Amino acid sequence: MALTDERFLKVRQERTNARAAAKALFKAGQAGDDSQFLYQLHQLRNTIYGGTLAMRQIARLGRVSKEIQSAFALIWTADKHLPCADSRAFLDAMRVLFQPYQGPAMRLFRGAAADEARKRKFYGPSWTTDFETADYFAKQYEDSQIGGVVFETLAPRESIISAPCLDAPYYETENGERMYDESEYLVDGRRLASVKIVRRYTGQR
C-alpha cells in the first residue's frame, strides 16, 4: 500500500532531520564538543533512522573523549537499546564509544533468541562471565515462537571491545550497590573463533 502524501512527507522530513543530526554529531565529535555530541546522539536515538546514521558517523570518527565515553557508558547501562541496521558500523562504533579492553581472553556466555545462532558472527555485543545471567535472558524467549539459547565462547582478547563491568561508570542504589550489574563484556562476534550453544529453550509452536 502506497504511503499517503502526508505520511510520505513526514517520513522524508524525518530522514532529512536524521541526516542533519548525524552530520552535526560527526562535526561535534571532530571538534571535541562533548555536550553537542551527546545532544545530537540523543536526538538521533529518538528517530526511526537515526541509530544507523549515528553509528556510521561514530565509526568514522575513530575516537572520542573520555568524557563522552563515560556519558555513553551510563546511557548503555540503563538502556542498551540502540537500533542500528548496520551491524558492522555498530560494532565499529562501540570500539569508539567505550574504553578499550586490556585484559586476557575470557570464557563468556550470552543469552539470546534462538535465531541469533544464524547471524554468522553478528551476535549481540553483550556477553557475561556469569552463566546464570545469560540463562536468565535466554529464558525470556521460552514462551515465544523462536525459543532461547545460551551461547558459550572463549573470547580472544582482540574480540573483546570493552569490559563495562570492570572499567565503566555505573549507577548505584541508595545503599551504594551497583545497579544493572550483569558482569558485562562487550564482544565483537566477527573476531570469535568458536561459539557453541550450551542450553536451549524450545519456543511455543
N, C-alpha and C. Protein backbone atom coordinates (compact mmCIF):
# COMPACT_ATOMS: atom_id res chain seq x y z
N MET A 1 0.85 -1.19 0.00
CA MET A 1 0.00 0.00 0.00
C MET A 1 0.89 1.25 0.00
N ALA A 2 0.61 2.16 -0.93
CA ALA A 2 1.43 3.37 -1.04
C ALA A 2 1.20 4.27 0.16
N LEU A 3 2.24 4.98 0.51
CA LEU A 3 2.10 5.94 1.59
C LEU A 3 1.24 7.10 1.15
N THR A 4 0.46 7.62 2.05
CA THR A 4 -0.29 8.82 1.74
C THR A 4 0.68 9.98 1.60
N ASP A 5 0.25 11.04 0.94
CA ASP A 5 1.12 12.20 0.75
C ASP A 5 1.60 12.74 2.09
N GLU A 6 0.71 12.79 3.06
CA GLU A 6 1.08 13.32 4.37
C GLU A 6 2.13 12.44 5.04
N ARG A 7 1.90 11.12 4.98
CA ARG A 7 2.84 10.18 5.59
C ARG A 7 4.19 10.22 4.85
N PHE A 8 4.16 10.31 3.53
CA PHE A 8 5.39 10.38 2.74
C PHE A 8 6.21 11.60 3.12
N LEU A 9 5.54 12.74 3.26
CA LEU A 9 6.24 13.97 3.62
C LEU A 9 6.82 13.87 5.02
N LYS A 10 6.10 13.21 5.93
CA LYS A 10 6.58 13.06 7.30
C LYS A 10 7.84 12.18 7.33
N VAL A 11 7.80 11.07 6.59
CA VAL A 11 8.96 10.17 6.55
C VAL A 11 10.15 10.87 5.93
N ARG A 12 9.92 11.60 4.85
CA ARG A 12 11.02 12.31 4.20
C ARG A 12 11.62 13.35 5.13
N GLN A 13 10.78 14.04 5.90
CA GLN A 13 11.28 15.04 6.83
C GLN A 13 12.07 14.38 7.96
N GLU A 14 11.61 13.22 8.43
CA GLU A 14 12.34 12.50 9.48
C GLU A 14 13.73 12.09 8.99
N ARG A 15 13.81 11.64 7.76
CA ARG A 15 15.10 11.27 7.20
C ARG A 15 16.02 12.47 7.07
N THR A 16 15.44 13.57 6.63
CA THR A 16 16.24 14.81 6.49
C THR A 16 16.77 15.26 7.84
N ASN A 17 15.91 15.23 8.85
CA ASN A 17 16.32 15.64 10.20
C ASN A 17 17.41 14.71 10.75
N ALA A 18 17.25 13.42 10.49
CA ALA A 18 18.23 12.45 10.99
C ALA A 18 19.57 12.65 10.32
N ARG A 19 19.59 12.90 9.02
CA ARG A 19 20.86 13.14 8.32
C ARG A 19 21.54 14.40 8.83
N ALA A 20 20.74 15.44 9.09
CA ALA A 20 21.31 16.68 9.61
C ALA A 20 21.90 16.47 11.00
N ALA A 21 21.20 15.72 11.84
CA ALA A 21 21.70 15.44 13.19
C ALA A 21 22.96 14.58 13.13
N ALA A 22 23.01 13.64 12.18
CA ALA A 22 24.19 12.79 12.04
C ALA A 22 25.42 13.61 11.64
N LYS A 23 25.22 14.55 10.73
CA LYS A 23 26.34 15.42 10.33
C LYS A 23 26.80 16.29 11.50
N ALA A 24 25.84 16.80 12.25
CA ALA A 24 26.18 17.62 13.42
C ALA A 24 26.90 16.79 14.47
N LEU A 25 26.50 15.54 14.62
CA LEU A 25 27.15 14.63 15.55
C LEU A 25 28.62 14.43 15.17
N PHE A 26 28.86 14.19 13.90
CA PHE A 26 30.23 13.97 13.42
C PHE A 26 31.08 15.22 13.64
N LYS A 27 30.54 16.38 13.31
CA LYS A 27 31.30 17.63 13.48
C LYS A 27 31.60 17.90 14.95
N ALA A 28 30.63 17.61 15.82
CA ALA A 28 30.85 17.81 17.25
C ALA A 28 31.94 16.88 17.77
N GLY A 29 31.95 15.65 17.27
CA GLY A 29 32.99 14.71 17.66
C GLY A 29 34.36 15.16 17.19
N GLN A 30 34.44 15.65 15.98
CA GLN A 30 35.71 16.16 15.45
C GLN A 30 36.21 17.35 16.25
N ALA A 31 35.28 18.21 16.64
CA ALA A 31 35.64 19.44 17.35
C ALA A 31 35.86 19.20 18.84
N GLY A 32 35.51 18.03 19.32
CA GLY A 32 35.64 17.75 20.75
C GLY A 32 34.58 18.45 21.59
N ASP A 33 33.44 18.76 20.97
CA ASP A 33 32.34 19.41 21.67
C ASP A 33 31.46 18.32 22.29
N ASP A 34 31.78 17.95 23.53
CA ASP A 34 31.12 16.81 24.16
C ASP A 34 29.62 17.03 24.35
N SER A 35 29.24 18.20 24.81
CA SER A 35 27.82 18.44 25.09
C SER A 35 27.00 18.40 23.81
N GLN A 36 27.52 18.98 22.72
CA GLN A 36 26.82 18.96 21.45
C GLN A 36 26.75 17.55 20.87
N PHE A 37 27.82 16.80 21.04
CA PHE A 37 27.84 15.41 20.58
C PHE A 37 26.75 14.60 21.26
N LEU A 38 26.67 14.70 22.57
CA LEU A 38 25.67 13.93 23.32
C LEU A 38 24.26 14.40 23.02
N TYR A 39 24.11 15.70 22.78
CA TYR A 39 22.79 16.23 22.41
C TYR A 39 22.32 15.64 21.08
N GLN A 40 23.20 15.66 20.09
CA GLN A 40 22.83 15.13 18.78
C GLN A 40 22.61 13.62 18.84
N LEU A 41 23.39 12.93 19.65
CA LEU A 41 23.19 11.50 19.81
C LEU A 41 21.80 11.21 20.40
N HIS A 42 21.41 12.01 21.38
CA HIS A 42 20.07 11.87 21.97
C HIS A 42 19.00 12.13 20.91
N GLN A 43 19.20 13.13 20.07
CA GLN A 43 18.22 13.43 19.03
C GLN A 43 18.09 12.25 18.07
N LEU A 44 19.22 11.66 17.71
CA LEU A 44 19.20 10.55 16.76
C LEU A 44 18.55 9.30 17.34
N ARG A 45 18.73 9.07 18.63
CA ARG A 45 18.16 7.88 19.26
C ARG A 45 16.64 7.92 19.26
N ASN A 46 16.07 9.09 19.06
CA ASN A 46 14.62 9.23 19.07
C ASN A 46 14.02 9.30 17.67
N THR A 47 14.79 8.91 16.66
CA THR A 47 14.28 8.91 15.28
C THR A 47 14.33 7.49 14.74
N ILE A 48 13.57 7.25 13.68
CA ILE A 48 13.48 5.91 13.10
C ILE A 48 14.81 5.50 12.47
N TYR A 49 15.45 6.41 11.78
CA TYR A 49 16.65 6.08 11.01
C TYR A 49 17.94 6.52 11.71
N GLY A 50 17.78 7.21 12.84
CA GLY A 50 18.93 7.85 13.45
C GLY A 50 19.99 6.92 14.00
N GLY A 51 19.57 5.77 14.55
CA GLY A 51 20.54 4.87 15.15
C GLY A 51 21.60 4.42 14.17
N THR A 52 21.18 4.05 12.98
CA THR A 52 22.13 3.59 11.96
C THR A 52 23.04 4.73 11.52
N LEU A 53 22.47 5.90 11.27
CA LEU A 53 23.28 7.05 10.86
C LEU A 53 24.29 7.43 11.94
N ALA A 54 23.86 7.39 13.18
CA ALA A 54 24.74 7.76 14.29
C ALA A 54 25.92 6.81 14.38
N MET A 55 25.66 5.50 14.32
CA MET A 55 26.74 4.53 14.45
C MET A 55 27.73 4.63 13.29
N ARG A 56 27.25 4.91 12.10
CA ARG A 56 28.15 5.06 10.96
C ARG A 56 29.06 6.27 11.13
N GLN A 57 28.51 7.36 11.63
CA GLN A 57 29.32 8.57 11.82
C GLN A 57 30.32 8.38 12.95
N ILE A 58 29.89 7.73 14.02
CA ILE A 58 30.79 7.50 15.16
C ILE A 58 31.94 6.58 14.74
N ALA A 59 31.64 5.56 13.95
CA ALA A 59 32.68 4.66 13.46
C ALA A 59 33.71 5.43 12.63
N ARG A 60 33.26 6.42 11.90
CA ARG A 60 34.18 7.23 11.09
C ARG A 60 35.10 8.08 11.95
N LEU A 61 34.64 8.46 13.13
CA LEU A 61 35.43 9.35 13.99
C LEU A 61 36.72 8.67 14.47
N GLY A 62 36.62 7.41 14.80
CA GLY A 62 37.81 6.70 15.27
C GLY A 62 38.10 6.87 16.74
N ARG A 63 37.76 8.02 17.32
CA ARG A 63 37.98 8.26 18.74
C ARG A 63 37.08 9.39 19.23
N VAL A 64 36.74 9.34 20.50
CA VAL A 64 36.02 10.43 21.16
C VAL A 64 36.66 10.62 22.53
N SER A 65 36.26 11.66 23.22
CA SER A 65 36.86 11.97 24.51
C SER A 65 36.44 10.97 25.58
N LYS A 66 37.19 10.92 26.66
CA LYS A 66 36.84 10.05 27.78
C LYS A 66 35.54 10.51 28.43
N GLU A 67 35.25 11.81 28.35
CA GLU A 67 34.00 12.33 28.91
C GLU A 67 32.80 11.75 28.15
N ILE A 68 32.92 11.69 26.82
CA ILE A 68 31.85 11.11 26.02
C ILE A 68 31.73 9.62 26.31
N GLN A 69 32.86 8.94 26.43
CA GLN A 69 32.83 7.51 26.75
C GLN A 69 32.13 7.25 28.09
N SER A 70 32.43 8.07 29.07
CA SER A 70 31.80 7.89 30.38
C SER A 70 30.30 8.14 30.32
N ALA A 71 29.91 9.20 29.61
CA ALA A 71 28.48 9.51 29.49
C ALA A 71 27.76 8.42 28.72
N PHE A 72 28.37 7.93 27.66
CA PHE A 72 27.72 6.89 26.87
C PHE A 72 27.61 5.58 27.66
N ALA A 73 28.61 5.28 28.47
CA ALA A 73 28.57 4.07 29.27
C ALA A 73 27.36 4.06 30.19
N LEU A 74 27.01 5.20 30.75
CA LEU A 74 25.83 5.29 31.61
C LEU A 74 24.54 5.13 30.80
N ILE A 75 24.53 5.70 29.59
CA ILE A 75 23.37 5.53 28.71
C ILE A 75 23.18 4.05 28.38
N TRP A 76 24.28 3.41 28.04
CA TRP A 76 24.24 2.00 27.66
C TRP A 76 23.80 1.13 28.83
N THR A 77 24.32 1.40 30.00
CA THR A 77 23.99 0.59 31.17
C THR A 77 22.50 0.61 31.47
N ALA A 78 21.89 1.78 31.34
CA ALA A 78 20.48 1.91 31.69
C ALA A 78 19.53 1.52 30.56
N ASP A 79 20.00 1.59 29.31
CA ASP A 79 19.09 1.42 28.18
C ASP A 79 19.43 0.20 27.33
N LYS A 80 20.63 0.16 26.79
CA LYS A 80 21.11 -0.92 25.92
C LYS A 80 20.21 -1.12 24.71
N HIS A 81 19.61 -0.04 24.26
CA HIS A 81 18.74 -0.14 23.09
C HIS A 81 19.16 0.94 22.10
N LEU A 82 19.97 0.52 21.13
CA LEU A 82 20.42 1.43 20.09
C LEU A 82 20.12 0.77 18.75
N PRO A 83 18.92 0.96 18.23
CA PRO A 83 18.57 0.30 16.97
C PRO A 83 19.50 0.73 15.84
N CYS A 84 20.10 -0.24 15.18
CA CYS A 84 21.03 0.05 14.10
C CYS A 84 20.95 -1.08 13.08
N ALA A 85 20.65 -0.74 11.84
CA ALA A 85 20.50 -1.75 10.79
C ALA A 85 21.85 -2.17 10.20
N ASP A 86 22.91 -1.46 10.54
CA ASP A 86 24.24 -1.74 10.00
C ASP A 86 25.09 -2.37 11.11
N SER A 87 25.15 -3.70 11.15
CA SER A 87 25.84 -4.40 12.24
C SER A 87 27.33 -4.09 12.27
N ARG A 88 27.96 -3.96 11.11
CA ARG A 88 29.39 -3.64 11.07
C ARG A 88 29.66 -2.28 11.67
N ALA A 89 28.89 -1.29 11.26
CA ALA A 89 29.08 0.06 11.79
C ALA A 89 28.82 0.10 13.29
N PHE A 90 27.82 -0.66 13.74
CA PHE A 90 27.50 -0.69 15.16
C PHE A 90 28.69 -1.19 15.98
N LEU A 91 29.28 -2.31 15.57
CA LEU A 91 30.40 -2.88 16.32
C LEU A 91 31.62 -1.97 16.25
N ASP A 92 31.85 -1.36 15.09
CA ASP A 92 32.98 -0.43 14.97
C ASP A 92 32.77 0.80 15.85
N ALA A 93 31.53 1.27 15.93
CA ALA A 93 31.23 2.43 16.78
C ALA A 93 31.40 2.11 18.25
N MET A 94 31.08 0.89 18.64
CA MET A 94 31.24 0.50 20.04
C MET A 94 32.70 0.57 20.47
N ARG A 95 33.61 0.30 19.55
CA ARG A 95 35.03 0.42 19.88
C ARG A 95 35.44 1.86 20.11
N VAL A 96 34.71 2.78 19.51
CA VAL A 96 34.99 4.21 19.70
C VAL A 96 34.38 4.70 21.01
N LEU A 97 33.20 4.20 21.33
CA LEU A 97 32.42 4.75 22.44
C LEU A 97 32.78 4.18 23.81
N PHE A 98 33.57 3.11 23.83
CA PHE A 98 33.95 2.51 25.11
C PHE A 98 35.46 2.46 25.29
N GLN A 99 35.88 2.45 26.55
CA GLN A 99 37.29 2.26 26.86
C GLN A 99 37.74 0.89 26.37
N PRO A 100 38.88 0.80 25.68
CA PRO A 100 39.31 -0.48 25.13
C PRO A 100 39.69 -1.48 26.21
N TYR A 101 39.40 -2.73 25.93
CA TYR A 101 39.72 -3.81 26.85
C TYR A 101 41.21 -4.12 26.82
N GLN A 102 41.80 -4.35 27.99
CA GLN A 102 43.23 -4.60 28.09
C GLN A 102 43.56 -5.95 28.73
N GLY A 103 42.55 -6.75 29.04
CA GLY A 103 42.78 -7.97 29.79
C GLY A 103 43.02 -9.20 28.93
N PRO A 104 42.96 -10.38 29.53
CA PRO A 104 43.20 -11.64 28.83
C PRO A 104 41.95 -12.15 28.12
N ALA A 105 42.10 -13.29 27.44
CA ALA A 105 40.94 -13.98 26.87
C ALA A 105 39.99 -14.37 28.00
N MET A 106 38.69 -14.43 27.69
CA MET A 106 37.70 -14.70 28.73
C MET A 106 36.68 -15.73 28.25
N ARG A 107 36.27 -16.61 29.16
CA ARG A 107 35.15 -17.52 28.90
C ARG A 107 33.87 -16.75 29.18
N LEU A 108 33.03 -16.61 28.16
CA LEU A 108 31.86 -15.75 28.26
C LEU A 108 30.60 -16.48 27.78
N PHE A 109 29.45 -15.97 28.25
CA PHE A 109 28.15 -16.53 27.90
C PHE A 109 27.23 -15.41 27.42
N ARG A 110 26.26 -15.82 26.61
CA ARG A 110 25.25 -14.86 26.15
C ARG A 110 23.91 -15.57 26.04
N GLY A 111 22.88 -14.97 26.61
CA GLY A 111 21.52 -15.47 26.47
C GLY A 111 20.79 -14.65 25.43
N ALA A 112 20.16 -15.34 24.46
CA ALA A 112 19.55 -14.61 23.34
C ALA A 112 18.44 -15.43 22.72
N ALA A 113 17.74 -14.83 21.76
CA ALA A 113 16.76 -15.56 20.97
C ALA A 113 17.49 -16.61 20.13
N ALA A 114 16.84 -17.74 19.92
CA ALA A 114 17.49 -18.86 19.23
C ALA A 114 17.91 -18.50 17.80
N ASP A 115 17.18 -17.61 17.14
CA ASP A 115 17.52 -17.30 15.76
C ASP A 115 18.82 -16.50 15.64
N GLU A 116 19.36 -16.02 16.77
CA GLU A 116 20.63 -15.31 16.70
C GLU A 116 21.76 -16.24 16.28
N ALA A 117 21.57 -17.54 16.45
CA ALA A 117 22.61 -18.51 16.06
C ALA A 117 22.86 -18.49 14.56
N ARG A 118 21.93 -17.94 13.78
CA ARG A 118 22.07 -17.92 12.33
C ARG A 118 22.68 -16.61 11.83
N LYS A 119 23.07 -15.74 12.72
CA LYS A 119 23.53 -14.41 12.30
C LYS A 119 24.98 -14.37 11.82
N ARG A 120 25.70 -15.48 11.94
CA ARG A 120 27.04 -15.59 11.37
C ARG A 120 27.96 -14.46 11.82
N LYS A 121 28.35 -14.54 13.05
CA LYS A 121 29.32 -13.62 13.65
C LYS A 121 28.71 -12.30 14.15
N PHE A 122 27.47 -11.99 13.77
CA PHE A 122 26.87 -10.75 14.23
C PHE A 122 25.94 -11.00 15.40
N TYR A 123 26.50 -11.59 16.45
CA TYR A 123 25.76 -11.76 17.69
C TYR A 123 25.58 -10.39 18.35
N GLY A 124 24.65 -10.31 19.29
CA GLY A 124 24.56 -9.10 20.09
C GLY A 124 25.87 -8.89 20.85
N PRO A 125 26.20 -7.67 21.20
CA PRO A 125 27.50 -7.40 21.81
C PRO A 125 27.62 -7.74 23.29
N SER A 126 26.50 -7.88 23.98
CA SER A 126 26.56 -8.05 25.44
C SER A 126 26.74 -9.52 25.84
N TRP A 127 27.86 -9.81 26.46
CA TRP A 127 28.18 -11.13 26.98
C TRP A 127 28.50 -11.01 28.46
N THR A 128 28.57 -12.13 29.16
CA THR A 128 28.79 -12.08 30.60
C THR A 128 29.65 -13.26 31.04
N THR A 129 30.33 -13.07 32.15
CA THR A 129 31.09 -14.17 32.75
C THR A 129 30.19 -15.07 33.58
N ASP A 130 28.95 -14.64 33.82
CA ASP A 130 28.04 -15.36 34.72
C ASP A 130 27.01 -16.16 33.92
N PHE A 131 27.11 -17.47 34.00
CA PHE A 131 26.18 -18.32 33.25
C PHE A 131 24.73 -18.05 33.63
N GLU A 132 24.45 -17.86 34.92
CA GLU A 132 23.08 -17.66 35.37
C GLU A 132 22.47 -16.39 34.78
N THR A 133 23.28 -15.36 34.62
CA THR A 133 22.78 -14.14 33.99
C THR A 133 22.40 -14.40 32.54
N ALA A 134 23.26 -15.09 31.80
CA ALA A 134 22.96 -15.43 30.42
C ALA A 134 21.72 -16.31 30.33
N ASP A 135 21.61 -17.26 31.25
CA ASP A 135 20.46 -18.16 31.27
C ASP A 135 19.16 -17.41 31.51
N TYR A 136 19.22 -16.40 32.35
CA TYR A 136 18.03 -15.58 32.63
C TYR A 136 17.52 -14.94 31.34
N PHE A 137 18.42 -14.40 30.54
CA PHE A 137 18.00 -13.73 29.31
C PHE A 137 17.49 -14.74 28.28
N ALA A 138 18.11 -15.91 28.22
CA ALA A 138 17.64 -16.93 27.29
C ALA A 138 16.22 -17.37 27.64
N LYS A 139 15.93 -17.47 28.92
CA LYS A 139 14.60 -17.91 29.37
C LYS A 139 13.49 -16.94 28.96
N GLN A 140 13.84 -15.70 28.71
CA GLN A 140 12.82 -14.72 28.33
C GLN A 140 12.15 -15.08 27.01
N TYR A 141 12.81 -15.94 26.22
CA TYR A 141 12.27 -16.33 24.91
C TYR A 141 11.59 -17.70 24.96
N GLU A 142 11.49 -18.28 26.15
CA GLU A 142 10.94 -19.62 26.29
C GLU A 142 9.49 -19.70 25.84
N ASP A 143 8.74 -18.64 26.04
CA ASP A 143 7.33 -18.65 25.69
C ASP A 143 7.06 -18.02 24.32
N SER A 144 8.11 -17.71 23.59
CA SER A 144 7.94 -17.14 22.25
C SER A 144 7.97 -18.27 21.22
N GLN A 145 7.69 -17.96 19.98
CA GLN A 145 7.76 -18.96 18.92
C GLN A 145 9.20 -19.31 18.58
N ILE A 146 10.12 -18.41 18.89
CA ILE A 146 11.52 -18.60 18.49
C ILE A 146 12.27 -19.50 19.45
N GLY A 147 12.05 -19.31 20.75
CA GLY A 147 12.83 -20.01 21.75
C GLY A 147 14.11 -19.26 22.08
N GLY A 148 14.84 -19.73 23.08
CA GLY A 148 16.05 -19.04 23.51
C GLY A 148 17.22 -19.99 23.63
N VAL A 149 18.43 -19.43 23.62
CA VAL A 149 19.64 -20.23 23.75
C VAL A 149 20.65 -19.50 24.63
N VAL A 150 21.55 -20.29 25.20
CA VAL A 150 22.71 -19.73 25.89
C VAL A 150 23.94 -20.10 25.07
N PHE A 151 24.68 -19.08 24.62
CA PHE A 151 25.92 -19.29 23.90
C PHE A 151 27.08 -19.31 24.88
N GLU A 152 28.12 -20.03 24.51
CA GLU A 152 29.38 -20.01 25.26
C GLU A 152 30.53 -19.83 24.28
N THR A 153 31.52 -19.05 24.67
CA THR A 153 32.70 -18.86 23.83
C THR A 153 33.92 -18.58 24.69
N LEU A 154 35.08 -18.90 24.16
CA LEU A 154 36.33 -18.43 24.75
C LEU A 154 36.74 -17.25 23.90
N ALA A 155 36.47 -16.05 24.39
CA ALA A 155 36.67 -14.84 23.60
C ALA A 155 38.13 -14.40 23.65
N PRO A 156 38.81 -14.37 22.50
CA PRO A 156 40.18 -13.86 22.49
C PRO A 156 40.20 -12.38 22.91
N ARG A 157 41.33 -11.95 23.41
CA ARG A 157 41.45 -10.57 23.85
C ARG A 157 41.02 -9.59 22.77
N GLU A 158 41.43 -9.85 21.52
CA GLU A 158 41.14 -8.90 20.45
C GLU A 158 39.67 -8.85 20.08
N SER A 159 38.89 -9.84 20.50
CA SER A 159 37.45 -9.83 20.21
C SER A 159 36.66 -9.02 21.24
N ILE A 160 37.25 -8.79 22.41
CA ILE A 160 36.54 -8.07 23.47
C ILE A 160 36.73 -6.57 23.28
N ILE A 161 35.65 -5.90 23.02
CA ILE A 161 35.68 -4.46 22.79
C ILE A 161 35.99 -3.71 24.07
N SER A 162 35.25 -4.05 25.12
CA SER A 162 35.38 -3.35 26.39
C SER A 162 34.80 -4.22 27.50
N ALA A 163 35.09 -3.85 28.72
CA ALA A 163 34.55 -4.57 29.88
C ALA A 163 33.87 -3.58 30.81
N PRO A 164 32.61 -3.20 30.51
CA PRO A 164 31.91 -2.25 31.37
C PRO A 164 31.86 -2.67 32.83
N CYS A 165 31.83 -3.99 33.07
CA CYS A 165 31.77 -4.46 34.45
C CYS A 165 33.04 -4.13 35.22
N LEU A 166 34.12 -3.86 34.50
CA LEU A 166 35.40 -3.54 35.16
C LEU A 166 35.74 -2.06 35.08
N ASP A 167 35.46 -1.44 33.92
CA ASP A 167 36.02 -0.12 33.64
C ASP A 167 35.02 1.03 33.61
N ALA A 168 33.77 0.73 33.29
CA ALA A 168 32.83 1.82 33.01
C ALA A 168 32.18 2.37 34.28
N PRO A 169 31.77 3.64 34.25
CA PRO A 169 31.00 4.18 35.38
C PRO A 169 29.65 3.49 35.46
N TYR A 170 29.00 3.58 36.59
CA TYR A 170 27.74 2.87 36.78
C TYR A 170 26.86 3.61 37.77
N TYR A 171 25.58 3.26 37.76
CA TYR A 171 24.62 3.81 38.71
C TYR A 171 24.65 2.99 39.99
N GLU A 172 24.33 3.64 41.09
CA GLU A 172 24.27 2.95 42.38
C GLU A 172 22.89 3.08 43.00
N THR A 173 22.51 2.09 43.80
CA THR A 173 21.28 2.17 44.56
C THR A 173 21.49 3.09 45.75
N GLU A 174 20.43 3.32 46.50
CA GLU A 174 20.55 4.16 47.69
C GLU A 174 21.49 3.54 48.72
N ASN A 175 21.67 2.22 48.63
CA ASN A 175 22.57 1.54 49.56
C ASN A 175 23.99 1.44 49.05
N GLY A 176 24.25 2.09 47.92
CA GLY A 176 25.60 2.09 47.37
C GLY A 176 25.94 0.86 46.57
N GLU A 177 24.94 0.02 46.26
CA GLU A 177 25.19 -1.17 45.47
C GLU A 177 25.11 -0.85 43.98
N ARG A 178 25.90 -1.56 43.21
CA ARG A 178 25.93 -1.33 41.78
C ARG A 178 24.63 -1.81 41.12
N MET A 179 24.02 -0.94 40.31
CA MET A 179 22.78 -1.30 39.61
C MET A 179 23.11 -1.92 38.25
N TYR A 180 22.17 -2.71 37.72
CA TYR A 180 22.31 -3.33 36.41
C TYR A 180 23.61 -4.13 36.30
N ASP A 181 24.02 -4.76 37.37
CA ASP A 181 25.29 -5.47 37.38
C ASP A 181 25.11 -6.85 36.73
N GLU A 182 25.55 -6.98 35.49
CA GLU A 182 25.39 -8.23 34.75
C GLU A 182 26.74 -8.82 34.35
N SER A 183 27.83 -8.36 35.01
CA SER A 183 29.18 -8.85 34.68
C SER A 183 29.42 -8.77 33.18
N GLU A 184 29.12 -7.62 32.61
CA GLU A 184 29.05 -7.47 31.15
C GLU A 184 30.41 -7.22 30.50
N TYR A 185 30.62 -7.95 29.40
CA TYR A 185 31.72 -7.70 28.48
C TYR A 185 31.12 -7.45 27.10
N LEU A 186 31.66 -6.50 26.37
CA LEU A 186 31.17 -6.21 25.03
C LEU A 186 32.08 -6.89 24.02
N VAL A 187 31.49 -7.68 23.14
CA VAL A 187 32.26 -8.56 22.27
C VAL A 187 31.92 -8.32 20.79
N ASP A 188 32.96 -8.33 19.96
CA ASP A 188 32.81 -8.26 18.51
C ASP A 188 32.79 -9.69 17.98
N GLY A 189 31.62 -10.18 17.64
CA GLY A 189 31.48 -11.57 17.22
C GLY A 189 32.26 -11.92 15.97
N ARG A 190 32.64 -10.93 15.18
CA ARG A 190 33.41 -11.18 13.96
C ARG A 190 34.78 -11.75 14.28
N ARG A 191 35.22 -11.55 15.53
CA ARG A 191 36.56 -12.00 15.91
C ARG A 191 36.54 -13.22 16.84
N LEU A 192 35.39 -13.86 16.93
CA LEU A 192 35.29 -15.07 17.74
C LEU A 192 35.61 -16.29 16.87
N ALA A 193 36.44 -17.17 17.39
CA ALA A 193 36.81 -18.36 16.64
C ALA A 193 35.73 -19.43 16.72
N SER A 194 35.11 -19.56 17.88
CA SER A 194 34.13 -20.63 18.08
C SER A 194 33.07 -20.20 19.09
N VAL A 195 31.82 -20.49 18.76
CA VAL A 195 30.69 -20.24 19.66
C VAL A 195 29.82 -21.49 19.66
N LYS A 196 29.46 -21.96 20.84
CA LYS A 196 28.59 -23.14 20.92
C LYS A 196 27.36 -22.83 21.77
N ILE A 197 26.31 -23.59 21.52
CA ILE A 197 25.08 -23.49 22.30
C ILE A 197 25.16 -24.50 23.45
N VAL A 198 25.04 -24.01 24.68
CA VAL A 198 25.16 -24.88 25.84
C VAL A 198 23.82 -25.11 26.54
N ARG A 199 22.82 -24.35 26.18
CA ARG A 199 21.47 -24.59 26.71
C ARG A 199 20.46 -24.03 25.72
N ARG A 200 19.37 -24.75 25.57
CA ARG A 200 18.34 -24.33 24.61
C ARG A 200 16.96 -24.38 25.25
N TYR A 201 16.16 -23.36 25.00
CA TYR A 201 14.77 -23.33 25.44
C TYR A 201 13.89 -23.36 24.20
N THR A 202 13.10 -24.40 24.07
CA THR A 202 12.26 -24.57 22.90
C THR A 202 11.08 -23.61 22.98
N GLY A 203 10.83 -22.92 21.90
CA GLY A 203 9.73 -21.97 21.87
C GLY A 203 8.38 -22.64 21.72
N GLN A 204 7.32 -21.85 21.84
CA GLN A 204 5.96 -22.35 21.69
C GLN A 204 5.62 -22.41 20.21
N ARG A 205 5.26 -23.57 19.74
CA ARG A 205 4.96 -23.73 18.31
C ARG A 205 3.52 -24.13 18.10
